[in-house]
PDB file of N, CA and C in Angstrom:
ATOM      1  N   MET A   1      -3.279 -19.143  -2.005  1.00  0.00           N
ATOM      2  CA  MET A   1      -3.685 -17.744  -2.162  1.00  0.00           C
ATOM      3  C   MET A   1      -3.339 -17.303  -3.590  1.00  0.00           C
ATOM      4  N   ASN A   2      -4.313 -16.762  -4.285  1.00  0.00           N
ATOM      5  CA  ASN A   2      -4.058 -16.333  -5.659  1.00  0.00           C
ATOM      6  C   ASN A   2      -3.561 -14.882  -5.702  1.00  0.00           C
ATOM      7  N   GLU A   3      -3.218 -14.424  -6.896  1.00  0.00           N
ATOM      8  CA  GLU A   3      -2.657 -13.072  -7.056  1.00  0.00           C
ATOM      9  C   GLU A   3      -3.624 -11.992  -6.580  1.00  0.00           C
ATOM     10  N   HIS A   4      -4.908 -12.165  -6.896  1.00  0.00           N
ATOM     11  CA  HIS A   4      -5.906 -11.165  -6.487  1.00  0.00           C
ATOM     12  C   HIS A   4      -5.957 -11.034  -4.967  1.00  0.00           C
ATOM     13  N   GLU A   5      -5.927 -12.161  -4.278  1.00  0.00           N
ATOM     14  CA  GLU A   5      -5.943 -12.131  -2.807  1.00  0.00           C
ATOM     15  C   GLU A   5      -4.683 -11.474  -2.254  1.00  0.00           C
ATOM     16  N   LYS A   6      -3.531 -11.794  -2.856  1.00  0.00           N
ATOM     17  CA  LYS A   6      -2.274 -11.184  -2.418  1.00  0.00           C
ATOM     18  C   LYS A   6      -2.317  -9.674  -2.602  1.00  0.00           C
ATOM     19  N   ASN A   7      -2.810  -9.234  -3.763  1.00  0.00           N
ATOM     20  CA  ASN A   7      -2.888  -7.804  -4.034  1.00  0.00           C
ATOM     21  C   ASN A   7      -3.850  -7.113  -3.072  1.00  0.00           C
ATOM     22  N   ARG A   8      -4.990  -7.759  -2.804  1.00  0.00           N
ATOM     23  CA  ARG A   8      -5.969  -7.185  -1.876  1.00  0.00           C
ATOM     24  C   ARG A   8      -5.366  -7.071  -0.469  1.00  0.00           C
ATOM     25  N   ASP A   9      -4.675  -8.115  -0.038  1.00  0.00           N
ATOM     26  CA  ASP A   9      -4.028  -8.078   1.276  1.00  0.00           C
ATOM     27  C   ASP A   9      -2.967  -6.988   1.332  1.00  0.00           C
ATOM     28  N   PHE A  10      -2.186  -6.860   0.258  1.00  0.00           N
ATOM     29  CA  PHE A  10      -1.154  -5.825   0.206  1.00  0.00           C
ATOM     30  C   PHE A  10      -1.790  -4.441   0.319  1.00  0.00           C
ATOM     31  N   TYR A  11      -2.849  -4.220  -0.443  1.00  0.00           N
ATOM     32  CA  TYR A  11      -3.543  -2.923  -0.416  1.00  0.00           C
ATOM     33  C   TYR A  11      -4.096  -2.641   0.981  1.00  0.00           C
ATOM     34  N   THR A  12      -4.709  -3.638   1.603  1.00  0.00           N
ATOM     35  CA  THR A  12      -5.261  -3.478   2.958  1.00  0.00           C
ATOM     36  C   THR A  12      -4.159  -3.146   3.958  1.00  0.00           C
ATOM     37  N   ASN A  13      -3.055  -3.872   3.871  1.00  0.00           N
ATOM     38  CA  ASN A  13      -1.933  -3.620   4.786  1.00  0.00           C
ATOM     39  C   ASN A  13      -1.361  -2.219   4.591  1.00  0.00           C
ATOM     40  N   CYS A  14      -1.242  -1.787   3.348  1.00  0.00           N
ATOM     41  CA  CYS A  14      -0.717  -0.449   3.063  1.00  0.00           C
ATOM     42  C   CYS A  14      -1.660   0.617   3.603  1.00  0.00           C
ATOM     43  N   THR A  15      -2.952   0.413   3.423  1.00  0.00           N
ATOM     44  CA  THR A  15      -3.931   1.372   3.926  1.00  0.00           C
ATOM     45  C   THR A  15      -3.816   1.497   5.435  1.00  0.00           C
ATOM     46  N   GLN A  16      -3.688   0.378   6.129  1.00  0.00           N
ATOM     47  CA  GLN A  16      -3.525   0.400   7.587  1.00  0.00           C
ATOM     48  C   GLN A  16      -2.232   1.106   7.975  1.00  0.00           C
ATOM     49  N   TYR A  17      -1.172   0.864   7.237  1.00  0.00           N
ATOM     50  CA  TYR A  17       0.116   1.502   7.522  1.00  0.00           C
ATOM     51  C   TYR A  17       0.021   3.018   7.353  1.00  0.00           C
ATOM     52  N   PHE A  18      -0.618   3.463   6.254  1.00  0.00           N
ATOM     53  CA  PHE A  18      -0.770   4.902   6.034  1.00  0.00           C
ATOM     54  C   PHE A  18      -1.643   5.539   7.112  1.00  0.00           C
ATOM     55  N   GLU A  19      -2.684   4.847   7.551  1.00  0.00           N
ATOM     56  CA  GLU A  19      -3.526   5.358   8.636  1.00  0.00           C
ATOM     57  C   GLU A  19      -2.716   5.491   9.920  1.00  0.00           C
ATOM     58  N   PHE A  20      -1.898   4.498  10.209  1.00  0.00           N
ATOM     59  CA  PHE A  20      -1.044   4.548  11.393  1.00  0.00           C
ATOM     60  C   PHE A  20      -0.099   5.748  11.330  1.00  0.00           C
ATOM     61  N   LEU A  21       0.535   5.953  10.173  1.00  0.00           N
ATOM     62  CA  LEU A  21       1.453   7.083  10.022  1.00  0.00           C
ATOM     63  C   LEU A  21       0.732   8.407  10.250  1.00  0.00           C
ATOM     64  N   ARG A  22      -0.489   8.539   9.721  1.00  0.00           N
ATOM     65  CA  ARG A  22      -1.266   9.777   9.919  1.00  0.00           C
ATOM     66  C   ARG A  22      -1.551  10.005  11.392  1.00  0.00           C
ATOM     67  N   LYS A  23      -1.914   8.924  12.100  1.00  0.00           N
ATOM     68  CA  LYS A  23      -2.246   9.043  13.528  1.00  0.00           C
ATOM     69  C   LYS A  23      -1.053   9.499  14.350  1.00  0.00           C
ATOM     70  N   VAL A  24       0.136   9.013  14.011  1.00  0.00           N
ATOM     71  CA  VAL A  24       1.325   9.383  14.781  1.00  0.00           C
ATOM     72  C   VAL A  24       2.036  10.601  14.197  1.00  0.00           C
ATOM     73  N   GLY A  25       1.512  11.125  13.085  1.00  0.00           N
ATOM     74  CA  GLY A  25       2.062  12.346  12.497  1.00  0.00           C
ATOM     75  C   GLY A  25       3.397  12.166  11.801  1.00  0.00           C
ATOM     76  N   LYS A  26       3.606  10.996  11.215  1.00  0.00           N
ATOM     77  CA  LYS A  26       4.872  10.738  10.514  1.00  0.00           C
ATOM     78  C   LYS A  26       4.614  10.478   9.048  1.00  0.00           C
ATOM     79  N   LYS A  27       5.690  10.541   8.264  1.00  0.00           N
ATOM     80  CA  LYS A  27       5.635  10.255   6.828  1.00  0.00           C
ATOM     81  C   LYS A  27       6.707   9.227   6.492  1.00  0.00           C
ATOM     82  N   ASP A  28       6.418   8.412   5.511  1.00  0.00           N
ATOM     83  CA  ASP A  28       7.389   7.462   4.983  1.00  0.00           C
ATOM     84  C   ASP A  28       7.423   7.689   3.473  1.00  0.00           C
ATOM     85  N   TYR A  29       8.142   8.721   3.069  1.00  0.00           N
ATOM     86  CA  TYR A  29       8.129   9.128   1.665  1.00  0.00           C
ATOM     87  C   TYR A  29       8.674   8.050   0.739  1.00  0.00           C
ATOM     88  N   GLU A  30       9.682   7.321   1.174  1.00  0.00           N
ATOM     89  CA  GLU A  30      10.255   6.279   0.318  1.00  0.00           C
ATOM     90  C   GLU A  30       9.223   5.192   0.030  1.00  0.00           C
ATOM     91  N   PHE A  31       8.539   4.746   1.070  1.00  0.00           N
ATOM     92  CA  PHE A  31       7.529   3.713   0.871  1.00  0.00           C
ATOM     93  C   PHE A  31       6.347   4.258   0.078  1.00  0.00           C
ATOM     94  N   GLU A  32       5.943   5.471   0.391  1.00  0.00           N
ATOM     95  CA  GLU A  32       4.817   6.095  -0.306  1.00  0.00           C
ATOM     96  C   GLU A  32       5.100   6.203  -1.806  1.00  0.00           C
ATOM     97  N   ASP A  33       6.292   6.637  -2.168  1.00  0.00           N
ATOM     98  CA  ASP A  33       6.670   6.728  -3.584  1.00  0.00           C
ATOM     99  C   ASP A  33       6.600   5.360  -4.248  1.00  0.00           C
ATOM    100  N   GLU A  34       7.143   4.371  -3.585  1.00  0.00           N
ATOM    101  CA  GLU A  34       7.151   3.010  -4.128  1.00  0.00           C
ATOM    102  C   GLU A  34       5.725   2.480  -4.274  1.00  0.00           C
ATOM    103  N   TYR A  35       4.895   2.750  -3.275  1.00  0.00           N
ATOM    104  CA  TYR A  35       3.507   2.298  -3.284  1.00  0.00           C
ATOM    105  C   TYR A  35       2.749   2.896  -4.471  1.00  0.00           C
ATOM    106  N   TYR A  36       2.837   4.203  -4.644  1.00  0.00           N
ATOM    107  CA  TYR A  36       2.084   4.847  -5.723  1.00  0.00           C
ATOM    108  C   TYR A  36       2.651   4.531  -7.111  1.00  0.00           C
ATOM    109  N   PHE A  37       3.925   4.156  -7.161  1.00  0.00           N
ATOM    110  CA  PHE A  37       4.515   3.723  -8.413  1.00  0.00           C
ATOM    111  C   PHE A  37       4.048   2.306  -8.773  1.00  0.00           C
ATOM    112  N   THR A  38       3.928   1.444  -7.756  1.00  0.00           N
ATOM    113  CA  THR A  38       3.590   0.042  -7.948  1.00  0.00           C
ATOM    114  C   THR A  38       2.096  -0.205  -8.088  1.00  0.00           C
ATOM    115  N   MET A  39       1.277   0.582  -7.416  1.00  0.00           N
ATOM    116  CA  MET A  39      -0.165   0.323  -7.351  1.00  0.00           C
ATOM    117  C   MET A  39      -0.834   0.216  -8.720  1.00  0.00           C
ATOM    118  N   PRO A  40      -0.562   1.087  -9.691  1.00  0.00           N
ATOM    119  CA  PRO A  40      -1.230   0.935 -10.992  1.00  0.00           C
ATOM    120  C   PRO A  40      -0.935  -0.410 -11.657  1.00  0.00           C
ATOM    121  N   ALA A  41       0.278  -0.897 -11.522  1.00  0.00           N
ATOM    122  CA  ALA A  41       0.648  -2.175 -12.116  1.00  0.00           C
ATOM    123  C   ALA A  41      -0.109  -3.316 -11.453  1.00  0.00           C
ATOM    124  N   ILE A  42      -0.279  -3.242 -10.149  1.00  0.00           N
ATOM    125  CA  ILE A  42      -0.995  -4.283  -9.423  1.00  0.00           C
ATOM    126  C   ILE A  42      -2.479  -4.257  -9.767  1.00  0.00           C
ATOM    127  N   SER A  43      -3.076  -3.077  -9.783  1.00  0.00           N
ATOM    128  CA  SER A  43      -4.513  -2.978  -9.960  1.00  0.00           C
ATOM    129  C   SER A  43      -4.975  -3.257 -11.385  1.00  0.00           C
ATOM    130  N   ASN A  44      -4.068  -3.272 -12.364  1.00  0.00           N
ATOM    131  CA  ASN A  44      -4.451  -3.552 -13.747  1.00  0.00           C
ATOM    132  C   ASN A  44      -4.510  -5.035 -14.067  1.00  0.00           C
ATOM    133  N   LYS A  45      -4.070  -5.860 -13.163  1.00  0.00           N
ATOM    134  CA  LYS A  45      -4.068  -7.314 -13.425  1.00  0.00           C
ATOM    135  C   LYS A  45      -5.382  -7.929 -13.048  1.00  0.00           C
TER     136      LYS A  45
END
């Protein structure tokens, strides 16, 4: 698995996780902060 595939899988998993949180009405601010901090670095490669 190359870096692009890993990043795509990570993004897909995060999207599913955020959808799950919305459905159950919860927030994960720590993960959300980390995700939005990390995402630009991942998507620029």
